[in-house]
Amino acid sequence: MKNITNELYDLVYKNSVWPQDLLDNLKDPDYLSVKFDAYLKGTMAEVIFMDEGKKIVANYYFNSKGLVQKIEMIEDEKVFVIYSRIDEIAKVLLETNNMKYFEQIYELIAA
């Protein structure tokens, strides 16, 4: 049970990428642009970079606390979800038969 609690804590409160990290990527010549816009209660960042000669667009969605909620990549007009905080939380809750806590956790990360 302790492992599940730690895993859920990490999924709710820890962050793998911050908006500033995306700006720091501009030091890499393969990164072409980073643009921030308001999105719901948080921020959406559009990052454009080159990978193996292809232009790639990545969208990062942050909540009002700056925690990344979702990352998607667009390549050849196809959208791929790279990370979804809510999906990862749901997986843990489903695996442990604890979906009754989903709404409470969702409220924590939606702010």
N, C-alpha and C. Protein backbone atom coordinates (compact mmCIF):
# COMPACT_ATOMS: atom_id res chain seq x y z
N MET A 1 0.82 -1.20 0.00
CA MET A 1 0.00 0.00 0.00
C MET A 1 0.87 1.26 0.00
N LYS A 2 2.01 1.19 0.70
CA LYS A 2 2.90 2.35 0.77
C LYS A 2 3.44 2.70 -0.61
N ASN A 3 3.77 1.69 -1.42
CA ASN A 3 4.27 1.94 -2.77
C ASN A 3 3.22 2.64 -3.62
N ILE A 4 1.97 2.24 -3.48
CA ILE A 4 0.88 2.86 -4.24
C ILE A 4 0.73 4.32 -3.81
N THR A 5 0.78 4.56 -2.52
CA THR A 5 0.67 5.92 -2.01
C THR A 5 1.81 6.79 -2.54
N ASN A 6 3.03 6.26 -2.51
CA ASN A 6 4.18 7.01 -3.03
C ASN A 6 4.04 7.26 -4.53
N GLU A 7 3.59 6.27 -5.25
CA GLU A 7 3.42 6.42 -6.70
C GLU A 7 2.37 7.48 -7.02
N LEU A 8 1.25 7.44 -6.31
CA LEU A 8 0.21 8.45 -6.53
C LEU A 8 0.70 9.84 -6.13
N TYR A 9 1.43 9.93 -5.04
CA TYR A 9 1.97 11.22 -4.61
C TYR A 9 2.86 11.81 -5.71
N ASP A 10 3.74 10.98 -6.24
CA ASP A 10 4.63 11.44 -7.31
C ASP A 10 3.84 11.89 -8.53
N LEU A 11 2.81 11.13 -8.90
CA LEU A 11 2.01 11.49 -10.07
C LEU A 11 1.23 12.78 -9.87
N VAL A 12 0.83 13.06 -8.65
CA VAL A 12 0.04 14.27 -8.38
C VAL A 12 0.94 15.49 -8.19
N TYR A 13 2.05 15.34 -7.48
CA TYR A 13 2.82 16.51 -7.05
C TYR A 13 4.17 16.72 -7.73
N LYS A 14 4.73 15.71 -8.34
CA LYS A 14 6.05 15.88 -8.95
C LYS A 14 5.91 16.29 -10.40
N ASN A 15 6.96 16.92 -10.91
CA ASN A 15 6.92 17.46 -12.26
C ASN A 15 8.18 17.06 -13.01
N SER A 16 8.02 16.61 -14.24
CA SER A 16 9.17 16.20 -15.05
C SER A 16 9.70 17.33 -15.91
N VAL A 17 8.89 18.30 -16.20
CA VAL A 17 9.31 19.42 -17.05
C VAL A 17 8.57 20.68 -16.61
N TRP A 18 9.30 21.78 -16.57
CA TRP A 18 8.75 23.08 -16.19
C TRP A 18 8.76 23.99 -17.41
N PRO A 19 7.91 25.00 -17.45
CA PRO A 19 7.93 25.93 -18.59
C PRO A 19 9.32 26.49 -18.88
N GLN A 20 10.08 26.80 -17.85
CA GLN A 20 11.43 27.34 -18.05
C GLN A 20 12.33 26.35 -18.78
N ASP A 21 12.14 25.05 -18.53
CA ASP A 21 12.93 24.03 -19.23
C ASP A 21 12.75 24.13 -20.74
N LEU A 22 11.54 24.44 -21.16
CA LEU A 22 11.27 24.55 -22.59
C LEU A 22 12.02 25.73 -23.19
N LEU A 23 12.08 26.83 -22.46
CA LEU A 23 12.85 27.99 -22.93
C LEU A 23 14.34 27.66 -22.99
N ASP A 24 14.82 26.91 -22.02
CA ASP A 24 16.23 26.51 -22.01
C ASP A 24 16.59 25.67 -23.24
N ASN A 25 15.62 24.93 -23.76
CA ASN A 25 15.86 24.11 -24.96
C ASN A 25 16.22 24.94 -26.17
N LEU A 26 15.86 26.22 -26.17
CA LEU A 26 16.17 27.08 -27.31
C LEU A 26 17.68 27.25 -27.52
N LYS A 27 18.48 26.88 -26.53
CA LYS A 27 19.93 26.91 -26.69
C LYS A 27 20.40 25.85 -27.68
N ASP A 28 19.59 24.82 -27.85
CA ASP A 28 19.89 23.75 -28.81
C ASP A 28 19.49 24.22 -30.20
N PRO A 29 20.39 24.16 -31.18
CA PRO A 29 20.07 24.66 -32.52
C PRO A 29 18.93 23.92 -33.21
N ASP A 30 18.59 22.72 -32.76
CA ASP A 30 17.47 21.98 -33.36
C ASP A 30 16.11 22.53 -32.92
N TYR A 31 16.10 23.33 -31.87
CA TYR A 31 14.85 23.92 -31.40
C TYR A 31 14.63 25.25 -32.10
N LEU A 32 13.48 25.37 -32.76
CA LEU A 32 13.20 26.55 -33.57
C LEU A 32 12.41 27.61 -32.82
N SER A 33 11.43 27.20 -32.01
CA SER A 33 10.63 28.19 -31.29
C SER A 33 9.90 27.56 -30.11
N VAL A 34 9.58 28.43 -29.16
CA VAL A 34 8.73 28.07 -28.01
C VAL A 34 7.76 29.22 -27.85
N LYS A 35 6.47 28.90 -27.87
CA LYS A 35 5.43 29.93 -27.75
C LYS A 35 4.48 29.53 -26.63
N PHE A 36 4.18 30.47 -25.74
CA PHE A 36 3.28 30.21 -24.62
C PHE A 36 1.96 30.95 -24.83
N ASP A 37 0.86 30.29 -24.50
CA ASP A 37 -0.47 30.89 -24.55
C ASP A 37 -1.26 30.45 -23.32
N ALA A 38 -2.21 31.28 -22.92
CA ALA A 38 -3.13 30.89 -21.84
C ALA A 38 -3.97 29.73 -22.33
N TYR A 39 -4.22 28.78 -21.44
CA TYR A 39 -5.04 27.62 -21.78
C TYR A 39 -5.81 27.20 -20.54
N LEU A 40 -7.13 27.27 -20.62
CA LEU A 40 -7.98 27.00 -19.47
C LEU A 40 -7.46 27.81 -18.28
N LYS A 41 -7.12 27.15 -17.17
CA LYS A 41 -6.61 27.88 -16.00
C LYS A 41 -5.08 27.92 -15.98
N GLY A 42 -4.46 27.36 -16.99
CA GLY A 42 -3.00 27.27 -17.00
C GLY A 42 -2.39 27.83 -18.27
N THR A 43 -1.40 27.11 -18.77
CA THR A 43 -0.60 27.56 -19.91
C THR A 43 -0.39 26.41 -20.87
N MET A 44 -0.37 26.74 -22.16
CA MET A 44 -0.01 25.77 -23.19
C MET A 44 1.24 26.29 -23.87
N ALA A 45 2.22 25.43 -24.04
CA ALA A 45 3.45 25.80 -24.74
C ALA A 45 3.54 24.99 -26.02
N GLU A 46 3.77 25.69 -27.12
CA GLU A 46 4.00 25.03 -28.40
C GLU A 46 5.50 25.09 -28.67
N VAL A 47 6.11 23.94 -28.82
CA VAL A 47 7.54 23.85 -29.07
C VAL A 47 7.73 23.26 -30.46
N ILE A 48 8.52 23.94 -31.28
CA ILE A 48 8.81 23.45 -32.63
C ILE A 48 10.30 23.16 -32.70
N PHE A 49 10.62 21.95 -33.16
CA PHE A 49 12.02 21.56 -33.26
C PHE A 49 12.21 20.62 -34.46
N MET A 50 13.44 20.42 -34.82
CA MET A 50 13.79 19.53 -35.92
C MET A 50 14.30 18.22 -35.35
N ASP A 51 13.86 17.11 -35.95
CA ASP A 51 14.32 15.79 -35.55
C ASP A 51 14.51 14.97 -36.81
N GLU A 52 15.74 14.59 -37.07
CA GLU A 52 16.09 13.82 -38.27
C GLU A 52 15.54 14.48 -39.53
N GLY A 53 15.68 15.79 -39.60
CA GLY A 53 15.26 16.54 -40.78
C GLY A 53 13.78 16.85 -40.87
N LYS A 54 13.00 16.40 -39.90
CA LYS A 54 11.56 16.67 -39.89
C LYS A 54 11.23 17.73 -38.85
N LYS A 55 10.27 18.59 -39.20
CA LYS A 55 9.79 19.58 -38.24
C LYS A 55 8.74 18.91 -37.36
N ILE A 56 8.95 18.99 -36.06
CA ILE A 56 8.05 18.38 -35.07
C ILE A 56 7.45 19.49 -34.21
N VAL A 57 6.18 19.36 -33.91
CA VAL A 57 5.51 20.27 -33.00
C VAL A 57 5.14 19.48 -31.75
N ALA A 58 5.48 20.02 -30.60
CA ALA A 58 5.09 19.40 -29.33
C ALA A 58 4.30 20.42 -28.53
N ASN A 59 3.19 19.99 -28.00
CA ASN A 59 2.36 20.86 -27.15
C ASN A 59 2.43 20.36 -25.72
N TYR A 60 2.74 21.28 -24.82
CA TYR A 60 2.83 20.99 -23.39
C TYR A 60 1.71 21.76 -22.70
N TYR A 61 0.92 21.07 -21.91
CA TYR A 61 -0.19 21.69 -21.19
C TYR A 61 0.13 21.68 -19.70
N PHE A 62 0.17 22.88 -19.10
CA PHE A 62 0.50 23.05 -17.69
C PHE A 62 -0.73 23.57 -16.94
N ASN A 63 -0.90 23.13 -15.69
CA ASN A 63 -1.97 23.69 -14.87
C ASN A 63 -1.51 25.02 -14.28
N SER A 64 -2.33 25.63 -13.45
CA SER A 64 -2.01 26.95 -12.89
C SER A 64 -0.79 26.92 -11.96
N LYS A 65 -0.42 25.73 -11.50
CA LYS A 65 0.74 25.58 -10.62
C LYS A 65 2.03 25.31 -11.41
N GLY A 66 1.91 25.24 -12.73
CA GLY A 66 3.08 24.98 -13.57
C GLY A 66 3.42 23.51 -13.71
N LEU A 67 2.52 22.63 -13.27
CA LEU A 67 2.75 21.19 -13.40
C LEU A 67 2.26 20.72 -14.76
N VAL A 68 3.11 19.99 -15.46
CA VAL A 68 2.73 19.50 -16.78
C VAL A 68 1.61 18.47 -16.63
N GLN A 69 0.54 18.64 -17.40
CA GLN A 69 -0.60 17.74 -17.34
C GLN A 69 -0.62 16.79 -18.53
N LYS A 70 -0.15 17.29 -19.67
CA LYS A 70 -0.21 16.49 -20.89
C LYS A 70 0.86 16.99 -21.85
N ILE A 71 1.46 16.05 -22.57
CA ILE A 71 2.40 16.38 -23.63
C ILE A 71 1.96 15.60 -24.87
N GLU A 72 1.83 16.32 -25.97
CA GLU A 72 1.50 15.65 -27.22
C GLU A 72 2.45 16.13 -28.31
N MET A 73 2.74 15.23 -29.25
CA MET A 73 3.58 15.56 -30.39
C MET A 73 2.76 15.43 -31.65
N ILE A 74 3.06 16.32 -32.59
CA ILE A 74 2.39 16.29 -33.88
C ILE A 74 3.47 16.10 -34.93
N GLU A 75 3.36 14.98 -35.63
CA GLU A 75 4.32 14.65 -36.68
C GLU A 75 3.53 14.13 -37.88
N ASP A 76 3.79 14.70 -39.04
CA ASP A 76 3.07 14.31 -40.26
C ASP A 76 1.55 14.36 -40.05
N GLU A 77 1.09 15.40 -39.38
CA GLU A 77 -0.33 15.64 -39.10
C GLU A 77 -0.97 14.59 -38.20
N LYS A 78 -0.16 13.76 -37.56
CA LYS A 78 -0.67 12.78 -36.60
C LYS A 78 -0.32 13.26 -35.19
N VAL A 79 -1.28 13.13 -34.30
CA VAL A 79 -1.09 13.56 -32.91
C VAL A 79 -0.83 12.33 -32.04
N PHE A 80 0.25 12.39 -31.28
CA PHE A 80 0.62 11.31 -30.36
C PHE A 80 0.67 11.88 -28.95
N VAL A 81 -0.05 11.25 -28.03
CA VAL A 81 0.02 11.67 -26.63
C VAL A 81 1.25 10.99 -26.02
N ILE A 82 2.19 11.81 -25.60
CA ILE A 82 3.44 11.31 -25.02
C ILE A 82 3.28 11.09 -23.52
N TYR A 83 2.53 11.96 -22.88
CA TYR A 83 2.32 11.87 -21.44
C TYR A 83 0.98 12.50 -21.09
N SER A 84 0.25 11.85 -20.20
CA SER A 84 -0.99 12.39 -19.66
C SER A 84 -1.02 12.06 -18.17
N ARG A 85 -0.90 13.09 -17.35
CA ARG A 85 -0.88 12.89 -15.90
C ARG A 85 -2.15 12.17 -15.44
N ILE A 86 -3.29 12.59 -15.95
CA ILE A 86 -4.55 11.99 -15.51
C ILE A 86 -4.65 10.52 -15.93
N ASP A 87 -4.14 10.19 -17.12
CA ASP A 87 -4.14 8.79 -17.55
C ASP A 87 -3.25 7.93 -16.66
N GLU A 88 -2.09 8.47 -16.30
CA GLU A 88 -1.17 7.73 -15.44
C GLU A 88 -1.78 7.49 -14.06
N ILE A 89 -2.44 8.49 -13.53
CA ILE A 89 -3.12 8.34 -12.23
C ILE A 89 -4.24 7.31 -12.33
N ALA A 90 -5.02 7.39 -13.39
CA ALA A 90 -6.12 6.44 -13.58
C ALA A 90 -5.60 5.01 -13.68
N LYS A 91 -4.47 4.81 -14.35
CA LYS A 91 -3.89 3.46 -14.46
C LYS A 91 -3.59 2.88 -13.09
N VAL A 92 -2.96 3.69 -12.23
CA VAL A 92 -2.62 3.21 -10.89
C VAL A 92 -3.89 2.90 -10.10
N LEU A 93 -4.87 3.78 -10.18
CA LEU A 93 -6.11 3.55 -9.45
C LEU A 93 -6.85 2.32 -9.96
N LEU A 94 -6.85 2.12 -11.27
CA LEU A 94 -7.50 0.93 -11.84
C LEU A 94 -6.79 -0.35 -11.41
N GLU A 95 -5.47 -0.33 -11.47
CA GLU A 95 -4.68 -1.51 -11.11
C GLU A 95 -4.89 -1.90 -9.65
N THR A 96 -5.21 -0.94 -8.81
CA THR A 96 -5.34 -1.20 -7.38
C THR A 96 -6.79 -1.16 -6.90
N ASN A 97 -7.72 -1.13 -7.84
CA ASN A 97 -9.15 -1.07 -7.51
C ASN A 97 -9.49 0.09 -6.57
N ASN A 98 -8.94 1.25 -6.87
CA ASN A 98 -9.17 2.44 -6.05
C ASN A 98 -9.76 3.59 -6.84
N MET A 99 -10.55 3.32 -7.85
CA MET A 99 -11.11 4.38 -8.68
C MET A 99 -12.01 5.32 -7.88
N LYS A 100 -12.45 4.90 -6.71
CA LYS A 100 -13.30 5.76 -5.89
C LYS A 100 -12.59 7.06 -5.51
N TYR A 101 -11.25 7.07 -5.58
CA TYR A 101 -10.47 8.27 -5.24
C TYR A 101 -10.17 9.15 -6.44
N PHE A 102 -10.58 8.72 -7.63
CA PHE A 102 -10.25 9.44 -8.86
C PHE A 102 -10.72 10.89 -8.83
N GLU A 103 -11.95 11.11 -8.44
CA GLU A 103 -12.50 12.47 -8.45
C GLU A 103 -11.72 13.39 -7.50
N GLN A 104 -11.37 12.89 -6.33
CA GLN A 104 -10.61 13.70 -5.37
C GLN A 104 -9.24 14.07 -5.94
N ILE A 105 -8.58 13.11 -6.55
CA ILE A 105 -7.26 13.37 -7.12
C ILE A 105 -7.37 14.31 -8.32
N TYR A 106 -8.40 14.12 -9.11
CA TYR A 106 -8.61 15.00 -10.27
C TYR A 106 -8.74 16.45 -9.83
N GLU A 107 -9.44 16.69 -8.74
CA GLU A 107 -9.60 18.05 -8.22
C GLU A 107 -8.25 18.65 -7.81
N LEU A 108 -7.36 17.82 -7.29
CA LEU A 108 -6.03 18.31 -6.89
C LEU A 108 -5.22 18.78 -8.09
N ILE A 109 -5.27 18.04 -9.19
CA ILE A 109 -4.42 18.38 -10.33
C ILE A 109 -5.07 19.35 -11.29
N ALA A 110 -6.38 19.51 -11.22
CA ALA A 110 -7.08 20.38 -12.18
C ALA A 110 -6.88 21.85 -11.87
N ALA A 111 -6.49 22.17 -10.68
CA ALA A 111 -6.34 23.59 -10.27
C ALA A 111 -5.24 24.29 -11.03
